[in-house]
Protein backbone atom coordinates (compact mmCIF):
# COMPACT_ATOMS: atom_id res chain seq x y z
CA UNK A 1 -18.68 15.53 65.14
CA UNK A 2 -20.77 13.18 63.03
CA UNK A 3 -22.06 16.19 61.06
CA UNK A 4 -18.47 17.35 60.36
CA UNK A 5 -17.46 13.89 59.10
CA UNK A 6 -20.48 13.84 56.81
CA UNK A 7 -19.59 17.25 55.36
CA UNK A 8 -16.00 16.15 54.71
CA UNK A 9 -17.26 12.95 53.05
CA UNK A 10 -19.42 14.97 50.67
CA UNK A 11 -16.53 17.34 49.85
CA UNK A 12 -14.18 14.41 49.19
CA UNK A 13 -16.72 12.77 46.88
CA UNK A 14 -17.13 16.01 44.93
CA UNK A 15 -13.33 16.27 44.59
CA UNK A 16 -13.20 12.73 43.15
CA UNK A 17 -15.91 13.55 40.60
CA UNK A 18 -14.05 16.72 39.55
CA UNK A 19 -10.78 14.80 39.21
CA UNK A 20 -12.42 12.19 36.99
CA UNK A 21 -13.91 14.94 34.85
CA UNK A 22 -10.41 16.31 34.16
CA UNK A 23 -8.99 13.15 32.54
CA UNK A 24 -6.91 14.07 29.46
CA UNK A 25 -8.47 11.46 27.17
CA UNK A 26 -10.75 13.01 24.56
CA UNK A 27 -14.11 11.62 23.53
CA UNK A 28 -12.57 10.55 20.22
CA UNK A 29 -9.80 8.66 22.00
CA UNK A 30 -12.28 6.83 24.20
CA UNK A 31 -14.52 6.03 21.23
CA UNK A 32 -11.71 4.80 18.97
CA UNK A 33 -9.75 2.75 21.47
CA UNK A 34 -10.58 -0.95 21.70
CA UNK A 35 -9.11 -3.72 23.83
CA UNK A 36 -6.75 -6.24 22.26
CA UNK A 37 -7.89 -9.65 23.41
CA UNK A 38 -4.67 -11.30 24.54
CA UNK A 39 -3.57 -12.82 27.80
CA UNK A 40 -2.72 -9.46 29.34
CA UNK A 41 -5.87 -7.72 28.05
CA UNK A 42 -3.65 -4.77 27.15
CA UNK A 43 -4.64 -2.02 24.75
CA UNK A 44 -2.80 -1.87 21.44
CA UNK A 45 -2.62 1.24 19.31
CA UNK A 46 -1.11 1.92 15.88
CA UNK A 47 -0.35 5.13 14.00
CA UNK A 48 0.12 5.44 10.24
CA UNK A 49 1.46 8.17 7.98
CA UNK A 50 0.18 7.66 4.45
CA UNK A 51 1.99 8.23 1.18
CA UNK A 52 1.18 10.84 -1.48
CA UNK A 53 -2.48 10.86 -2.44
CA UNK A 54 -3.67 9.54 0.91
CA UNK A 55 -6.79 7.50 1.33
CA UNK A 56 -9.10 7.35 -1.64
CA UNK A 57 -6.33 6.66 -4.15
CA UNK A 58 -7.98 3.30 -4.97
CA UNK A 59 -4.47 1.88 -4.75
CA UNK A 60 -1.53 1.72 -2.33
CA UNK A 61 -2.87 3.83 0.54
CA UNK A 62 -6.29 2.27 0.42
CA UNK A 63 -4.68 -1.17 0.69
CA UNK A 64 -2.86 0.00 3.81
CA UNK A 65 -6.13 1.26 5.25
CA UNK A 66 -7.78 -2.12 4.64
CA UNK A 67 -4.99 -3.75 6.63
CA UNK A 68 -5.65 -1.37 9.52
CA UNK A 69 -9.37 -2.07 9.37
CA UNK A 70 -8.73 -5.80 9.42
CA UNK A 71 -6.48 -5.41 12.47
CA UNK A 72 -9.11 -3.30 14.19
CA UNK A 73 -11.81 -5.87 13.51
CA UNK A 74 -9.85 -9.04 14.26
CA UNK A 75 -7.34 -7.86 16.85
CA UNK A 76 -9.24 -5.00 18.49
CA UNK A 77 -6.51 -2.41 17.93
CA UNK A 78 -7.17 1.30 17.62
CA UNK A 79 -5.36 3.46 15.09
CA UNK A 80 -4.73 7.07 14.17
CA UNK A 81 -3.83 8.37 10.71
CA UNK A 82 -2.11 11.28 9.03
CA UNK A 83 -2.46 12.09 5.33
CA UNK A 84 0.32 14.47 4.26
CA UNK A 85 -0.05 16.58 1.15
CA UNK A 86 3.71 16.37 0.69
CA UNK A 87 5.32 13.42 2.53
CA UNK A 88 8.80 14.73 1.73
CA UNK A 89 8.24 17.81 3.91
CA UNK A 90 5.56 16.68 6.36
CA UNK A 91 6.48 13.07 7.15
CA UNK A 92 9.20 13.78 9.71
CA UNK A 93 7.00 16.08 11.78
CA UNK A 94 4.08 13.67 11.65
CA UNK A 95 6.21 10.69 12.67
CA UNK A 96 7.83 12.74 15.44
CA UNK A 97 4.50 13.89 16.84
CA UNK A 98 3.19 10.33 16.93
CA UNK A 99 6.39 9.07 18.59
CA UNK A 100 6.40 11.84 21.20
CA UNK A 101 3.06 10.72 22.60
CA UNK A 102 4.46 7.33 23.61
CA UNK A 103 1.01 5.80 23.18
CA UNK A 104 1.56 3.77 20.01
CA UNK A 105 2.82 0.20 19.95
CA UNK A 106 3.71 0.60 16.27
CA UNK A 107 4.07 3.52 13.85
CA UNK A 108 3.83 2.72 10.14
CA UNK A 109 5.33 4.86 7.37
CA UNK A 110 3.82 4.18 3.95
CA UNK A 111 6.12 4.55 0.95
CA UNK A 112 9.77 4.77 0.03
CA UNK A 113 9.79 8.59 0.10
CA UNK A 114 9.63 8.45 3.90
CA UNK A 115 12.85 6.54 4.46
CA UNK A 116 15.07 9.46 5.50
CA UNK A 117 12.40 10.87 7.81
CA UNK A 118 11.72 7.49 9.38
CA UNK A 119 15.40 6.75 10.00
CA UNK A 120 15.88 10.11 11.72
CA UNK A 121 12.83 9.68 13.95
CA UNK A 122 13.59 6.03 14.73
CA UNK A 123 17.07 7.02 15.93
CA UNK A 124 15.59 9.76 18.11
CA UNK A 125 13.04 7.36 19.66
CA UNK A 126 14.87 4.02 20.07
CA UNK A 127 12.14 2.54 22.28
CA UNK A 128 9.41 3.14 19.70
CA UNK A 129 8.71 0.41 17.13
CA UNK A 130 8.32 1.42 13.48
CA UNK A 131 7.56 -0.26 10.15
CA UNK A 132 8.12 1.09 6.66
CA UNK A 133 6.47 -0.16 3.48
CA UNK A 134 8.34 -0.34 0.16
CA UNK A 135 11.77 0.54 1.53
CA UNK A 136 14.67 -1.14 3.30
CA UNK A 137 16.02 0.12 6.61
CA UNK A 138 18.80 -1.90 8.21
CA UNK A 139 20.91 -1.47 11.32
CA UNK A 140 18.09 -0.14 13.50
CA UNK A 141 16.62 -2.58 16.07
CA UNK A 142 13.26 -0.80 16.12
CA UNK A 143 12.40 -0.75 12.39
CA UNK A 144 10.75 -3.50 10.33
CA UNK A 145 10.90 -3.23 6.54
CA UNK A 146 8.17 -4.58 4.25
CA UNK A 147 9.02 -5.11 0.58
CA UNK A 148 7.28 -6.69 -2.39
CA UNK A 149 8.49 -8.35 -5.57
CA UNK A 150 6.50 -6.05 -7.80
CA UNK A 151 8.42 -7.33 -10.81
CA UNK A 152 6.93 -10.82 -10.35
CA UNK A 153 3.34 -9.61 -10.23
CA UNK A 154 4.05 -7.24 -13.12
CA UNK A 155 5.41 -10.16 -15.16
CA UNK A 156 1.97 -11.77 -14.94
CA UNK A 157 0.06 -8.70 -16.12
CA UNK A 158 2.69 -8.12 -18.80
CA UNK A 159 2.14 -11.63 -20.08
CA UNK A 160 -1.60 -10.96 -20.18
CA UNK A 161 -0.99 -7.69 -22.03
CA UNK A 162 1.05 -9.61 -24.60
CA UNK A 163 -1.76 -12.12 -25.04
CA UNK A 164 -4.39 -9.40 -25.52
CA UNK A 165 -2.33 -7.02 -27.68
CA UNK A 166 -3.39 -6.63 -31.31
CA UNK A 167 -1.09 -3.82 -32.50
CA UNK A 168 2.31 -5.13 -31.42
CA UNK A 169 2.68 -2.21 -28.97
CA UNK A 170 1.75 -1.83 -25.31
CA UNK A 171 2.42 0.97 -22.84
CA UNK A 172 3.46 1.66 -19.26
CA UNK A 173 2.82 4.81 -17.21
CA UNK A 174 5.06 5.22 -14.16
CA UNK A 175 4.93 7.93 -11.53
CA UNK A 176 8.68 8.50 -11.81
CA UNK A 177 11.89 6.73 -12.75
CA UNK A 178 12.73 5.49 -9.27
CA UNK A 179 14.09 2.04 -8.50
CA UNK A 180 10.69 0.99 -7.16
CA UNK A 181 8.69 2.07 -10.21
CA UNK A 182 11.24 0.54 -12.54
CA UNK A 183 10.60 -2.85 -10.92
CA UNK A 184 7.02 -2.62 -12.17
CA UNK A 185 8.18 -1.73 -15.68
CA UNK A 186 10.88 -4.41 -15.75
CA UNK A 187 8.48 -7.19 -14.83
CA UNK A 188 5.81 -5.93 -17.22
CA UNK A 189 8.20 -5.80 -20.17
CA UNK A 190 9.67 -9.23 -19.41
CA UNK A 191 6.21 -10.78 -19.12
CA UNK A 192 5.01 -9.29 -22.40
CA UNK A 193 8.14 -10.44 -24.24
CA UNK A 194 7.84 -13.90 -22.71
CA UNK A 195 4.64 -14.50 -24.66
CA UNK A 196 5.40 -12.21 -27.61
CA UNK A 197 9.16 -11.62 -28.10
CA UNK A 198 8.73 -8.95 -30.80
CA UNK A 199 6.34 -6.73 -28.84
CA UNK A 200 7.18 -3.05 -28.20
CA UNK A 201 6.79 -1.85 -24.61
CA UNK A 202 6.70 1.96 -24.41
CA UNK A 203 7.29 3.58 -20.99
CA UNK A 204 6.40 7.15 -19.99
CA UNK A 205 6.82 8.83 -16.61
CA UNK A 206 4.76 11.57 -15.00
CA UNK A 207 7.51 13.16 -12.93
CA UNK A 208 7.32 16.25 -10.76
CA UNK A 209 6.69 16.61 -7.05
CA UNK A 210 3.12 15.34 -7.33
CA UNK A 211 3.71 12.37 -9.62
CA UNK A 212 1.53 9.98 -7.61
CA UNK A 213 -1.46 12.31 -7.59
CA UNK A 214 -1.54 14.08 -10.97
CA UNK A 215 -4.42 12.64 -12.95
CA UNK A 216 -4.35 15.30 -15.67
CA UNK A 217 -0.71 14.65 -16.53
CA UNK A 218 -1.25 10.88 -16.38
CA UNK A 219 -4.15 11.14 -18.81
CA UNK A 220 -2.12 13.24 -21.25
CA UNK A 221 0.83 10.83 -21.07
CA UNK A 222 -1.49 7.90 -21.70
CA UNK A 223 -2.98 9.59 -24.75
CA UNK A 224 0.50 9.91 -26.26
CA UNK A 225 1.03 6.17 -25.81
CA UNK A 226 -2.28 5.42 -27.50
CA UNK A 227 -1.32 7.69 -30.39
CA UNK A 228 1.81 5.57 -30.80
CA UNK A 229 -0.30 2.43 -31.12
CA UNK A 230 -0.37 1.08 -27.56
CA UNK A 231 -3.57 -0.90 -27.02
CA UNK A 232 -2.90 -2.17 -23.47
CA UNK A 233 -1.55 0.25 -20.84
CA UNK A 234 -0.39 -0.61 -17.31
CA UNK A 235 0.21 2.02 -14.67
CA UNK A 236 2.26 2.21 -11.49
CA UNK A 237 1.37 5.72 -10.44
CA UNK A 238 -0.89 5.66 -7.40
CA UNK A 239 -3.86 8.03 -7.65
CA UNK A 240 -2.51 9.36 -10.96
CA UNK A 241 -3.62 6.05 -12.45
CA UNK A 242 -7.20 7.29 -12.41
CA UNK A 243 -6.18 9.59 -15.27
CA UNK A 244 -4.76 6.60 -17.14
CA UNK A 245 -8.09 4.82 -16.87
CA UNK A 246 -10.01 7.84 -18.14
CA UNK A 247 -7.85 7.90 -21.27
CA UNK A 248 -8.06 4.18 -22.05
CA UNK A 249 -11.83 4.24 -21.57
CA UNK A 250 -12.25 7.18 -23.93
CA UNK A 251 -9.97 5.66 -26.58
CA UNK A 252 -11.43 2.16 -26.26
CA UNK A 253 -8.21 0.34 -25.36
CA UNK A 254 -7.36 -1.78 -22.32
CA UNK A 255 -5.91 -0.67 -19.01
CA UNK A 256 -4.30 -2.62 -16.16
CA UNK A 257 -4.59 -1.52 -12.54
CA UNK A 258 -2.10 -1.76 -9.71
CA UNK A 259 -1.75 -2.39 -5.96
CA UNK A 260 -5.49 -2.85 -5.26
CA UNK A 261 -8.33 -4.40 -7.24
CA UNK A 262 -9.20 -1.54 -9.60
CA UNK A 263 -11.15 -3.68 -12.08
CA UNK A 264 -14.55 -2.32 -11.05
CA UNK A 265 -13.60 1.30 -11.77
CA UNK A 266 -14.11 0.68 -15.48
CA UNK A 267 -15.55 -2.84 -15.84
CA UNK A 268 -14.46 -4.53 -19.04
CA UNK A 269 -11.88 -1.84 -19.82
CA UNK A 270 -9.47 -2.74 -17.03
CA UNK A 271 -8.26 -6.26 -17.88
CA UNK A 272 -6.96 -6.98 -14.39
CA UNK A 273 -4.96 -5.35 -11.61
CA UNK A 274 -1.52 -6.31 -10.34
CA UNK A 275 -2.45 -7.09 -6.78
CA UNK A 276 0.08 -6.05 -4.18
CA UNK A 277 -1.26 -7.40 -0.92
CA UNK A 278 -0.16 -4.51 1.26
CA UNK A 279 -3.22 -5.05 3.45
CA UNK A 280 -2.07 -8.54 4.44
CA UNK A 281 1.48 -7.36 5.15
CA UNK A 282 0.23 -4.46 7.28
CA UNK A 283 -2.03 -6.80 9.23
CA UNK A 284 0.83 -9.26 9.78
CA UNK A 285 3.26 -6.68 11.17
CA UNK A 286 0.57 -5.29 13.49
CA UNK A 287 -0.32 -8.79 14.68
CA UNK A 288 3.27 -9.81 15.42
CA UNK A 289 3.85 -6.53 17.26
CA UNK A 290 0.70 -6.97 19.32
CA UNK A 291 1.80 -10.49 20.22
CA UNK A 292 5.19 -9.26 21.38
CA UNK A 293 6.98 -10.84 18.41
CA UNK A 294 8.09 -7.70 16.56
CA UNK A 295 11.23 -8.28 14.47
CA UNK A 296 13.41 -5.57 13.01
CA UNK A 297 14.06 -7.36 9.75
CA UNK A 298 13.38 -7.07 6.03
CA UNK A 299 10.39 -9.10 4.86
CA UNK A 300 9.87 -9.56 1.12
CA UNK A 301 6.61 -10.81 -0.39
CA UNK A 302 6.50 -12.26 -3.91
CA UNK A 303 4.32 -14.74 -5.76
CA UNK A 304 5.58 -17.63 -3.64
CA UNK A 305 4.65 -15.76 -0.46
CA UNK A 306 1.25 -14.72 -1.89
CA UNK A 307 2.38 -11.11 -1.75
CA UNK A 308 1.60 -10.23 -5.37
CA UNK A 309 -0.68 -11.57 -8.09
CA UNK A 310 -3.65 -10.69 -10.29
CA UNK A 311 -7.37 -10.31 -9.76
CA UNK A 312 -9.84 -13.03 -10.70
CA UNK A 313 -10.86 -11.26 -13.96
CA UNK A 314 -14.42 -10.74 -12.74
CA UNK A 315 -15.35 -8.45 -15.63
CA UNK A 316 -13.03 -9.71 -18.36
CA UNK A 317 -13.03 -13.53 -18.25
CA UNK A 318 -14.93 -13.81 -21.52
CA UNK A 319 -12.69 -11.30 -23.27
CA UNK A 320 -9.48 -12.96 -22.08
CA UNK A 321 -10.67 -16.49 -22.71
CA UNK A 322 -10.19 -19.72 -20.78
CA UNK A 323 -7.06 -20.74 -22.70
CA UNK A 324 -5.21 -17.51 -21.86
CA UNK A 325 -6.25 -17.70 -18.21
CA UNK A 326 -4.93 -21.27 -17.98
CA UNK A 327 -1.68 -20.18 -19.61
CA UNK A 328 -1.36 -17.34 -17.12
CA UNK A 329 -1.89 -19.75 -14.22
CA UNK A 330 0.92 -21.93 -15.56
CA UNK A 331 3.24 -18.93 -15.80
CA UNK A 332 2.39 -18.06 -12.19
CA UNK A 333 3.20 -21.60 -11.10
CA UNK A 334 6.48 -21.56 -13.03
CA UNK A 335 7.54 -18.37 -11.22
CA UNK A 336 6.59 -19.93 -7.89
CA UNK A 337 8.59 -23.06 -8.72
CA UNK A 338 11.61 -21.08 -9.89
CA UNK A 339 11.32 -22.19 -13.51
CA UNK A 340 10.85 -18.56 -14.55
CA UNK A 341 13.13 -16.04 -12.85
CA UNK A 342 11.99 -12.44 -13.16
CA UNK A 343 14.67 -9.75 -13.01
CA UNK A 344 13.92 -6.65 -10.90
CA UNK A 345 15.54 -4.42 -13.52
CA UNK A 346 16.34 -4.56 -17.23
């Protein structure tokens, strides 16, 4: 009898080992997942669907990624990513697949082109929390919207462009003529005219289905602006902006970056970058969700909220000069205090 019990004990132990070996979690899942250190010691996980260009755009998507990295480091969250070649056609499927797993505390959609897809998926999965960057979604209790006052930050770099201009003409390269991109142009033009009322501000737009990731077209458009006398050129075109920088470098005029700190790409050629602190906003929405404080509301970040600004002119301080930098700081303060009101469109 004792021998029979022993045999059954061995068989049962082997069954337990086999069962443990059949767990569905993959090695990658185990490796990536970290524990969120809160009172419940629960695991928090985030999914993100990037905008056109994906990671490596040195701009909008990379800023989002930095926010995820910060949340991973400081909050212990894990995250999974999807980089669509065409968000317009792939976003809905990607968002749906993430939502169907039920394993994510928050799913983030990056960019205004994902609004329709996000709304459809959010309605289909009412218990799943979502956030969208650069677009407004209202009426859904499971969607948080993150917006920025790009026109305020663009006013600052426009003012700098006006200070540095020598020809009386500056340029702007936008990905397309959407409401979002026009906020960048509107602020830029207002800022330039604030310091130099007679200045010409020439806009061009890349257009097409790949407008945020078409460096060749962006370079060609920039060259036409330079031919028309533009000696400072600001872009709001995602990864396409790398083509803008190539052109301004070759033609020995100034460029201005956007979204992330792009100054080091061409030191001394890029005057500054209009900083859009997407990384901070992404971190904040992840943190509030992890703490059980998710709110389905529209949050807007401007100069007053430290959501937009400029770089610290690491490579161009001497070229810009102390007097111009002080003047720019005063303009920033005046916007913060409401003495200067920047229109989102002109």
